[in-house]
N, C-alpha and C. Protein backbone atom coordinates (compact mmCIF):
# COMPACT_ATOMS: atom_id res chain seq x y z
N MET A 1 64.74 17.83 1.01
CA MET A 1 63.67 17.97 0.04
C MET A 1 62.33 17.92 0.77
N SER A 2 61.44 18.66 0.21
CA SER A 2 60.12 18.67 0.82
C SER A 2 59.33 17.44 0.39
N THR A 3 58.35 17.14 1.17
CA THR A 3 57.48 16.00 0.89
C THR A 3 56.77 16.18 -0.44
N ASN A 4 56.43 17.41 -0.76
CA ASN A 4 55.72 17.71 -2.01
C ASN A 4 56.59 17.37 -3.23
N ILE A 5 57.86 17.72 -3.19
CA ILE A 5 58.77 17.43 -4.31
C ILE A 5 58.96 15.92 -4.45
N LEU A 6 59.18 15.23 -3.33
CA LEU A 6 59.33 13.77 -3.37
C LEU A 6 58.08 13.10 -3.94
N PHE A 7 56.91 13.61 -3.54
CA PHE A 7 55.66 13.05 -4.04
C PHE A 7 55.54 13.26 -5.55
N ASN A 8 55.92 14.44 -6.05
CA ASN A 8 55.88 14.73 -7.49
C ASN A 8 56.86 13.83 -8.26
N ILE A 9 58.03 13.60 -7.70
CA ILE A 9 59.00 12.70 -8.34
C ILE A 9 58.43 11.28 -8.39
N PHE A 10 57.81 10.86 -7.30
CA PHE A 10 57.18 9.55 -7.26
C PHE A 10 56.09 9.43 -8.33
N LEU A 11 55.25 10.44 -8.46
CA LEU A 11 54.19 10.41 -9.48
C LEU A 11 54.77 10.38 -10.89
N LEU A 12 55.83 11.12 -11.12
CA LEU A 12 56.49 11.13 -12.43
C LEU A 12 57.04 9.74 -12.75
N LEU A 13 57.72 9.11 -11.81
CA LEU A 13 58.25 7.77 -12.03
C LEU A 13 57.12 6.75 -12.23
N LEU A 14 56.06 6.88 -11.48
CA LEU A 14 54.91 5.99 -11.63
C LEU A 14 54.29 6.15 -13.02
N ASN A 15 54.19 7.39 -13.51
CA ASN A 15 53.64 7.67 -14.84
C ASN A 15 54.52 7.05 -15.93
N ILE A 16 55.85 7.18 -15.77
CA ILE A 16 56.79 6.60 -16.75
C ILE A 16 56.63 5.09 -16.77
N LEU A 17 56.57 4.45 -15.61
CA LEU A 17 56.42 3.01 -15.52
C LEU A 17 55.09 2.56 -16.13
N PHE A 18 54.02 3.28 -15.84
CA PHE A 18 52.70 2.95 -16.37
C PHE A 18 52.69 3.07 -17.90
N THR A 19 53.27 4.14 -18.43
CA THR A 19 53.33 4.33 -19.88
C THR A 19 54.15 3.23 -20.54
N PHE A 20 55.30 2.90 -19.93
CA PHE A 20 56.14 1.84 -20.47
C PHE A 20 55.39 0.51 -20.49
N THR A 21 54.69 0.20 -19.41
CA THR A 21 53.94 -1.06 -19.31
C THR A 21 52.83 -1.10 -20.35
N LEU A 22 52.09 -0.02 -20.54
CA LEU A 22 51.03 0.02 -21.55
C LEU A 22 51.60 -0.17 -22.95
N ASN A 23 52.70 0.51 -23.25
CA ASN A 23 53.33 0.35 -24.57
C ASN A 23 53.78 -1.08 -24.78
N LYS A 24 54.33 -1.70 -23.74
CA LYS A 24 54.78 -3.09 -23.84
C LYS A 24 53.60 -4.01 -24.10
N LEU A 25 52.49 -3.80 -23.40
CA LEU A 25 51.30 -4.63 -23.60
C LEU A 25 50.74 -4.46 -25.01
N ASN A 26 50.75 -3.23 -25.52
CA ASN A 26 50.23 -2.99 -26.87
C ASN A 26 51.11 -3.63 -27.94
N LYS A 27 52.36 -3.92 -27.62
CA LYS A 27 53.29 -4.50 -28.59
C LYS A 27 53.37 -6.02 -28.47
N MET A 28 52.58 -6.62 -27.60
CA MET A 28 52.63 -8.06 -27.43
C MET A 28 52.17 -8.75 -28.70
N LYS A 29 52.75 -9.89 -28.96
CA LYS A 29 52.42 -10.63 -30.18
C LYS A 29 51.11 -11.39 -30.01
N THR A 30 50.48 -11.64 -31.15
CA THR A 30 49.24 -12.41 -31.22
C THR A 30 49.48 -13.57 -32.16
N ALA A 31 48.77 -14.66 -31.93
CA ALA A 31 48.84 -15.83 -32.83
C ALA A 31 47.46 -16.11 -33.39
N ILE A 32 47.43 -16.49 -34.67
CA ILE A 32 46.20 -16.96 -35.29
C ILE A 32 46.51 -18.31 -35.94
N TYR A 33 45.53 -19.20 -35.88
CA TYR A 33 45.73 -20.57 -36.35
C TYR A 33 44.75 -20.88 -37.49
N ARG A 34 45.23 -21.67 -38.43
CA ARG A 34 44.39 -22.17 -39.52
C ARG A 34 44.59 -23.67 -39.59
N ARG A 35 43.48 -24.42 -39.61
CA ARG A 35 43.55 -25.88 -39.72
C ARG A 35 43.12 -26.29 -41.11
N GLU A 36 43.84 -27.26 -41.65
CA GLU A 36 43.52 -27.83 -42.96
C GLU A 36 43.70 -29.34 -42.87
N HIS A 37 43.28 -30.02 -43.90
CA HIS A 37 43.34 -31.48 -43.93
C HIS A 37 43.73 -31.93 -45.33
N PHE A 38 44.57 -32.95 -45.42
CA PHE A 38 44.87 -33.55 -46.71
C PHE A 38 45.21 -35.02 -46.52
N ASN A 39 45.09 -35.77 -47.59
CA ASN A 39 45.38 -37.21 -47.59
C ASN A 39 46.53 -37.45 -48.55
N SER A 40 47.52 -38.22 -48.10
CA SER A 40 48.65 -38.54 -48.96
C SER A 40 49.15 -39.94 -48.66
N ALA A 41 49.78 -40.53 -49.68
CA ALA A 41 50.44 -41.83 -49.51
C ALA A 41 51.94 -41.61 -49.48
N HIS A 42 52.64 -42.53 -48.83
CA HIS A 42 54.10 -42.47 -48.83
C HIS A 42 54.68 -43.83 -48.44
N ARG A 43 55.97 -43.93 -48.61
CA ARG A 43 56.73 -45.08 -48.16
C ARG A 43 57.98 -44.56 -47.48
N LEU A 44 58.21 -45.00 -46.25
CA LEU A 44 59.44 -44.64 -45.57
C LEU A 44 60.50 -45.66 -45.97
N HIS A 45 61.59 -45.14 -46.54
CA HIS A 45 62.59 -46.03 -47.11
C HIS A 45 63.91 -45.28 -47.25
N ASN A 46 65.00 -45.94 -46.89
CA ASN A 46 66.33 -45.39 -47.10
C ASN A 46 67.02 -46.25 -48.15
N PRO A 47 67.28 -45.70 -49.36
CA PRO A 47 67.86 -46.50 -50.43
C PRO A 47 69.28 -46.98 -50.14
N ASN A 48 69.93 -46.39 -49.14
CA ASN A 48 71.28 -46.80 -48.77
C ASN A 48 71.30 -48.02 -47.85
N TRP A 49 70.14 -48.45 -47.38
CA TRP A 49 70.04 -49.57 -46.47
C TRP A 49 69.57 -50.83 -47.20
N SER A 50 69.78 -51.95 -46.57
CA SER A 50 69.28 -53.22 -47.10
C SER A 50 67.76 -53.28 -46.91
N ILE A 51 67.15 -54.21 -47.63
CA ILE A 51 65.70 -54.44 -47.48
C ILE A 51 65.39 -54.81 -46.03
N GLU A 52 66.24 -55.64 -45.45
CA GLU A 52 66.03 -56.08 -44.08
C GLU A 52 66.08 -54.91 -43.09
N LYS A 53 67.09 -54.05 -43.26
CA LYS A 53 67.21 -52.92 -42.33
C LYS A 53 66.05 -51.96 -42.49
N ASN A 54 65.61 -51.68 -43.73
CA ASN A 54 64.45 -50.82 -43.94
C ASN A 54 63.22 -51.40 -43.25
N LYS A 55 63.00 -52.69 -43.39
CA LYS A 55 61.84 -53.33 -42.75
C LYS A 55 61.96 -53.29 -41.23
N GLU A 56 63.18 -53.46 -40.73
CA GLU A 56 63.40 -53.43 -39.29
C GLU A 56 63.12 -52.03 -38.71
N ILE A 57 63.62 -51.00 -39.38
CA ILE A 57 63.49 -49.63 -38.87
C ILE A 57 62.09 -49.06 -39.13
N PHE A 58 61.58 -49.23 -40.34
CA PHE A 58 60.33 -48.57 -40.73
C PHE A 58 59.10 -49.46 -40.66
N GLY A 59 59.28 -50.77 -40.50
CA GLY A 59 58.15 -51.69 -40.33
C GLY A 59 57.13 -51.57 -41.46
N LYS A 60 55.85 -51.50 -41.08
CA LYS A 60 54.76 -51.41 -42.06
C LYS A 60 54.88 -50.18 -42.96
N CYS A 61 55.54 -49.16 -42.47
CA CYS A 61 55.68 -47.91 -43.24
C CYS A 61 56.65 -48.07 -44.42
N ASN A 62 57.31 -49.22 -44.50
CA ASN A 62 58.22 -49.50 -45.61
C ASN A 62 57.54 -50.32 -46.71
N ASN A 63 56.25 -50.43 -46.66
CA ASN A 63 55.48 -51.19 -47.65
C ASN A 63 55.81 -50.73 -49.07
N GLU A 64 56.23 -51.66 -49.92
CA GLU A 64 56.59 -51.32 -51.31
C GLU A 64 55.44 -50.69 -52.08
N ASP A 65 54.22 -51.02 -51.68
CA ASP A 65 53.03 -50.47 -52.35
C ASP A 65 52.51 -49.21 -51.68
N TYR A 66 53.28 -48.66 -50.75
CA TYR A 66 52.95 -47.42 -50.06
C TYR A 66 51.80 -47.61 -49.07
N HIS A 67 51.51 -46.60 -48.32
CA HIS A 67 50.37 -46.57 -47.40
C HIS A 67 49.97 -45.11 -47.24
N GLY A 68 48.78 -44.86 -46.73
CA GLY A 68 48.29 -43.48 -46.68
C GLY A 68 47.99 -42.99 -45.28
N HIS A 69 47.90 -41.67 -45.18
CA HIS A 69 47.53 -41.00 -43.94
C HIS A 69 46.54 -39.89 -44.24
N ASN A 70 45.70 -39.62 -43.26
CA ASN A 70 44.80 -38.47 -43.29
C ASN A 70 45.44 -37.41 -42.39
N TYR A 71 46.21 -36.51 -43.00
CA TYR A 71 46.98 -35.53 -42.24
C TYR A 71 46.10 -34.35 -41.83
N ASP A 72 46.29 -33.91 -40.60
CA ASP A 72 45.69 -32.66 -40.13
C ASP A 72 46.83 -31.67 -39.94
N LEU A 73 46.68 -30.53 -40.58
CA LEU A 73 47.71 -29.49 -40.58
C LEU A 73 47.21 -28.29 -39.79
N GLU A 74 48.05 -27.81 -38.88
CA GLU A 74 47.75 -26.59 -38.13
C GLU A 74 48.85 -25.59 -38.43
N VAL A 75 48.47 -24.47 -39.01
CA VAL A 75 49.41 -23.41 -39.35
C VAL A 75 49.20 -22.28 -38.36
N CYS A 76 50.27 -21.88 -37.68
CA CYS A 76 50.21 -20.80 -36.70
C CYS A 76 51.02 -19.62 -37.23
N ILE A 77 50.39 -18.45 -37.26
CA ILE A 77 51.05 -17.21 -37.66
C ILE A 77 51.12 -16.34 -36.41
N VAL A 78 52.30 -15.77 -36.15
CA VAL A 78 52.53 -14.95 -34.95
C VAL A 78 53.09 -13.61 -35.37
N GLY A 79 52.59 -12.54 -34.75
CA GLY A 79 53.13 -11.21 -35.02
C GLY A 79 52.26 -10.14 -34.39
N GLN A 80 52.43 -8.93 -34.89
CA GLN A 80 51.69 -7.77 -34.41
C GLN A 80 50.41 -7.60 -35.23
N VAL A 81 49.32 -7.33 -34.56
CA VAL A 81 48.05 -7.06 -35.24
C VAL A 81 48.13 -5.70 -35.91
N ASP A 82 47.69 -5.64 -37.16
CA ASP A 82 47.65 -4.38 -37.90
C ASP A 82 46.59 -3.47 -37.28
N GLU A 83 46.98 -2.25 -36.94
CA GLU A 83 46.06 -1.33 -36.27
C GLU A 83 44.90 -0.91 -37.17
N GLU A 84 45.12 -0.85 -38.48
CA GLU A 84 44.06 -0.40 -39.40
C GLU A 84 43.03 -1.49 -39.66
N THR A 85 43.47 -2.74 -39.86
CA THR A 85 42.54 -3.82 -40.20
C THR A 85 42.09 -4.61 -38.98
N GLY A 86 42.92 -4.64 -37.94
CA GLY A 86 42.64 -5.50 -36.80
C GLY A 86 43.07 -6.94 -37.05
N TYR A 87 43.64 -7.19 -38.21
CA TYR A 87 44.10 -8.53 -38.59
C TYR A 87 45.58 -8.70 -38.30
N LEU A 88 45.94 -9.91 -37.96
CA LEU A 88 47.34 -10.32 -37.99
C LEU A 88 47.66 -10.68 -39.44
N ILE A 89 46.77 -11.47 -40.04
CA ILE A 89 46.80 -11.81 -41.46
C ILE A 89 45.36 -12.11 -41.85
N ASP A 90 44.96 -11.72 -43.01
CA ASP A 90 43.62 -12.03 -43.51
C ASP A 90 43.52 -13.55 -43.66
N THR A 91 42.59 -14.19 -42.97
CA THR A 91 42.51 -15.65 -43.01
C THR A 91 42.13 -16.18 -44.39
N LYS A 92 41.45 -15.37 -45.20
CA LYS A 92 41.18 -15.80 -46.58
C LYS A 92 42.49 -15.89 -47.35
N LEU A 93 43.38 -14.90 -47.16
CA LEU A 93 44.69 -14.93 -47.79
C LEU A 93 45.49 -16.13 -47.30
N LEU A 94 45.49 -16.37 -46.00
CA LEU A 94 46.22 -17.50 -45.44
C LEU A 94 45.68 -18.81 -46.00
N SER A 95 44.37 -18.96 -46.08
CA SER A 95 43.76 -20.16 -46.63
C SER A 95 44.18 -20.37 -48.09
N ASN A 96 44.17 -19.30 -48.87
CA ASN A 96 44.58 -19.40 -50.28
C ASN A 96 46.04 -19.83 -50.41
N ILE A 97 46.92 -19.28 -49.57
CA ILE A 97 48.34 -19.65 -49.60
C ILE A 97 48.50 -21.12 -49.26
N ILE A 98 47.83 -21.58 -48.20
CA ILE A 98 47.95 -22.98 -47.79
C ILE A 98 47.42 -23.90 -48.88
N ASN A 99 46.29 -23.54 -49.46
CA ASN A 99 45.73 -24.39 -50.51
C ASN A 99 46.64 -24.48 -51.72
N LYS A 100 47.19 -23.36 -52.15
CA LYS A 100 48.04 -23.36 -53.34
C LYS A 100 49.38 -24.06 -53.09
N GLN A 101 49.98 -23.82 -51.93
CA GLN A 101 51.32 -24.34 -51.64
C GLN A 101 51.33 -25.76 -51.06
N ILE A 102 50.24 -26.15 -50.38
CA ILE A 102 50.26 -27.43 -49.66
C ILE A 102 49.13 -28.36 -50.11
N ILE A 103 47.91 -27.94 -49.99
CA ILE A 103 46.79 -28.84 -50.24
C ILE A 103 46.77 -29.30 -51.70
N ASP A 104 46.80 -28.38 -52.63
CA ASP A 104 46.75 -28.77 -54.05
C ASP A 104 47.89 -29.72 -54.44
N PRO A 105 49.15 -29.43 -54.07
CA PRO A 105 50.23 -30.34 -54.48
C PRO A 105 50.33 -31.64 -53.66
N PHE A 106 49.76 -31.71 -52.44
CA PHE A 106 49.93 -32.89 -51.59
C PHE A 106 48.69 -33.77 -51.49
N ASP A 107 47.50 -33.20 -51.62
CA ASP A 107 46.28 -33.94 -51.36
C ASP A 107 46.05 -35.02 -52.41
N HIS A 108 45.82 -36.24 -51.94
CA HIS A 108 45.60 -37.42 -52.79
C HIS A 108 46.77 -37.64 -53.75
N LYS A 109 47.97 -37.42 -53.22
CA LYS A 109 49.20 -37.64 -54.00
C LYS A 109 50.07 -38.65 -53.28
N ASN A 110 50.97 -39.26 -54.04
CA ASN A 110 52.01 -40.10 -53.49
C ASN A 110 53.21 -39.19 -53.26
N LEU A 111 53.54 -38.94 -52.01
CA LEU A 111 54.60 -38.00 -51.69
C LEU A 111 55.93 -38.41 -52.31
N ASN A 112 56.25 -39.70 -52.30
CA ASN A 112 57.53 -40.18 -52.82
C ASN A 112 57.69 -39.92 -54.32
N THR A 113 56.62 -40.08 -55.06
CA THR A 113 56.74 -40.03 -56.52
C THR A 113 56.17 -38.77 -57.16
N GLN A 114 55.31 -38.04 -56.44
CA GLN A 114 54.63 -36.90 -57.06
C GLN A 114 54.99 -35.54 -56.46
N VAL A 115 55.79 -35.52 -55.44
CA VAL A 115 56.19 -34.26 -54.81
C VAL A 115 57.72 -34.18 -54.88
N ASP A 116 58.21 -33.16 -55.60
CA ASP A 116 59.65 -33.06 -55.90
C ASP A 116 60.55 -33.19 -54.67
N GLU A 117 60.20 -32.53 -53.58
CA GLU A 117 61.06 -32.54 -52.39
C GLU A 117 61.31 -33.96 -51.88
N PHE A 118 60.35 -34.86 -52.07
CA PHE A 118 60.47 -36.19 -51.49
C PHE A 118 61.01 -37.24 -52.45
N LYS A 119 61.43 -36.80 -53.61
CA LYS A 119 62.09 -37.75 -54.50
C LYS A 119 63.47 -38.12 -53.97
N SER A 120 64.03 -37.25 -53.11
CA SER A 120 65.34 -37.52 -52.51
C SER A 120 65.33 -37.33 -50.99
N LEU A 121 64.15 -37.22 -50.41
CA LEU A 121 64.02 -36.99 -48.97
C LEU A 121 62.96 -37.94 -48.43
N ASN A 122 63.29 -38.66 -47.37
CA ASN A 122 62.34 -39.61 -46.79
C ASN A 122 61.14 -38.84 -46.24
N PRO A 123 59.91 -39.17 -46.67
CA PRO A 123 58.74 -38.37 -46.29
C PRO A 123 58.18 -38.72 -44.91
N THR A 124 59.03 -38.61 -43.90
CA THR A 124 58.57 -38.77 -42.52
C THR A 124 57.71 -37.57 -42.14
N THR A 125 56.99 -37.70 -41.06
CA THR A 125 56.17 -36.57 -40.59
C THR A 125 57.06 -35.37 -40.27
N GLU A 126 58.23 -35.64 -39.70
CA GLU A 126 59.16 -34.55 -39.36
C GLU A 126 59.61 -33.81 -40.62
N ASN A 127 60.00 -34.57 -41.65
CA ASN A 127 60.44 -33.93 -42.90
C ASN A 127 59.29 -33.24 -43.61
N LEU A 128 58.10 -33.83 -43.55
CA LEU A 128 56.94 -33.22 -44.18
C LEU A 128 56.60 -31.88 -43.51
N ALA A 129 56.67 -31.82 -42.19
CA ALA A 129 56.41 -30.56 -41.48
C ALA A 129 57.41 -29.49 -41.90
N ARG A 130 58.69 -29.87 -42.04
CA ARG A 130 59.71 -28.90 -42.46
C ARG A 130 59.48 -28.43 -43.89
N VAL A 131 59.13 -29.34 -44.79
CA VAL A 131 58.87 -28.97 -46.19
C VAL A 131 57.67 -28.03 -46.26
N ILE A 132 56.64 -28.31 -45.49
CA ILE A 132 55.46 -27.42 -45.46
C ILE A 132 55.88 -26.04 -45.00
N TYR A 133 56.67 -25.97 -43.94
CA TYR A 133 57.18 -24.68 -43.44
C TYR A 133 57.93 -23.94 -44.55
N GLU A 134 58.84 -24.63 -45.20
CA GLU A 134 59.66 -24.00 -46.24
C GLU A 134 58.81 -23.51 -47.42
N ARG A 135 57.74 -24.23 -47.74
CA ARG A 135 56.87 -23.80 -48.82
C ARG A 135 56.03 -22.58 -48.43
N LEU A 136 55.69 -22.46 -47.15
CA LEU A 136 54.81 -21.37 -46.71
C LEU A 136 55.56 -20.10 -46.30
N ILE A 137 56.74 -20.24 -45.71
CA ILE A 137 57.42 -19.09 -45.12
C ILE A 137 57.71 -18.00 -46.14
N THR A 138 57.96 -18.38 -47.37
CA THR A 138 58.27 -17.37 -48.40
C THR A 138 57.01 -16.70 -48.93
N LYS A 139 55.84 -17.20 -48.56
CA LYS A 139 54.58 -16.67 -49.09
C LYS A 139 53.81 -15.81 -48.10
N ILE A 140 54.16 -15.90 -46.82
CA ILE A 140 53.45 -15.08 -45.84
C ILE A 140 54.12 -13.71 -45.74
N PRO A 141 53.37 -12.69 -45.35
CA PRO A 141 53.94 -11.34 -45.28
C PRO A 141 55.16 -11.26 -44.36
N THR A 142 56.10 -10.43 -44.75
CA THR A 142 57.33 -10.22 -43.98
C THR A 142 57.00 -9.73 -42.57
N GLY A 143 57.78 -10.18 -41.61
CA GLY A 143 57.60 -9.74 -40.23
C GLY A 143 56.72 -10.67 -39.41
N LEU A 144 56.11 -11.65 -40.05
CA LEU A 144 55.29 -12.61 -39.31
C LEU A 144 56.07 -13.90 -39.10
N GLU A 145 55.85 -14.53 -37.97
CA GLU A 145 56.49 -15.81 -37.68
C GLU A 145 55.53 -16.94 -38.06
N LEU A 146 56.09 -18.09 -38.37
CA LEU A 146 55.31 -19.23 -38.81
C LEU A 146 55.69 -20.45 -38.01
N LYS A 147 54.70 -21.23 -37.61
CA LYS A 147 54.94 -22.50 -36.94
C LYS A 147 53.96 -23.52 -37.51
N ILE A 148 54.46 -24.72 -37.75
CA ILE A 148 53.67 -25.79 -38.33
C ILE A 148 53.48 -26.90 -37.31
N LYS A 149 52.27 -27.40 -37.21
CA LYS A 149 52.00 -28.61 -36.44
C LYS A 149 51.28 -29.55 -37.40
N LEU A 150 51.86 -30.72 -37.63
CA LEU A 150 51.32 -31.67 -38.58
C LEU A 150 51.01 -32.99 -37.88
N TYR A 151 49.72 -33.36 -37.88
CA TYR A 151 49.28 -34.61 -37.28
C TYR A 151 49.24 -35.69 -38.35
N GLU A 152 50.02 -36.75 -38.14
CA GLU A 152 49.97 -37.91 -39.03
C GLU A 152 48.85 -38.85 -38.56
N THR A 153 48.70 -38.94 -37.25
CA THR A 153 47.61 -39.70 -36.62
C THR A 153 47.12 -38.86 -35.44
N ARG A 154 46.11 -39.37 -34.75
CA ARG A 154 45.64 -38.69 -33.55
C ARG A 154 46.74 -38.60 -32.50
N LYS A 155 47.62 -39.60 -32.49
CA LYS A 155 48.63 -39.70 -31.44
C LYS A 155 50.00 -39.17 -31.85
N ASN A 156 50.27 -39.05 -33.15
CA ASN A 156 51.61 -38.67 -33.62
C ASN A 156 51.55 -37.38 -34.42
N TYR A 157 52.39 -36.44 -34.02
CA TYR A 157 52.49 -35.20 -34.77
C TYR A 157 53.89 -34.63 -34.65
N ALA A 158 54.21 -33.73 -35.59
CA ALA A 158 55.50 -33.04 -35.57
C ALA A 158 55.25 -31.55 -35.59
N GLU A 159 56.13 -30.79 -34.95
CA GLU A 159 56.09 -29.33 -34.99
C GLU A 159 57.37 -28.83 -35.60
N TYR A 160 57.23 -27.75 -36.37
CA TYR A 160 58.42 -27.14 -36.97
C TYR A 160 58.16 -25.66 -37.17
N PRO A 161 59.09 -24.79 -36.81
CA PRO A 161 60.29 -25.07 -36.01
C PRO A 161 59.93 -25.11 -34.53
N VAL A 162 60.83 -25.67 -33.76
CA VAL A 162 60.69 -25.68 -32.31
C VAL A 162 61.93 -25.02 -31.75
N LEU A 163 61.73 -24.05 -30.89
CA LEU A 163 62.86 -23.33 -30.30
C LEU A 163 63.00 -23.68 -28.84
């Protein structure tokens, strides 16, 4: 083969690789985050355990009169940016979904007594993060991924889901 033919084959392969790489980069996922805040009271308690065991495991969080937290919620949406709008999701829409599904039903509420999911589920931060995910996932547009990060305190938080 002549050098000219080999060079043309090389350029063709380089062009294919370059096009593939550009297409791959254009298809990379993007994440957008929305932060919200709510205050809720709860009591960590397992009705199948003795009073002593509940106090031993949950300590102050087993207070019969409940206790409260100032929760910070971080909602992460992951997916492809829409070429027409430039949005992954309209943040006004995301804010409205979070407010209707999470803030309105949880803010200044007793999770144990006023939120249906926690009438039979211990309202730990881990369970609360999962319930928030389950409430939001059905409301966000199809094809987008959802991840929840819920801060109970500055030092303690839960993420859901984690892969």
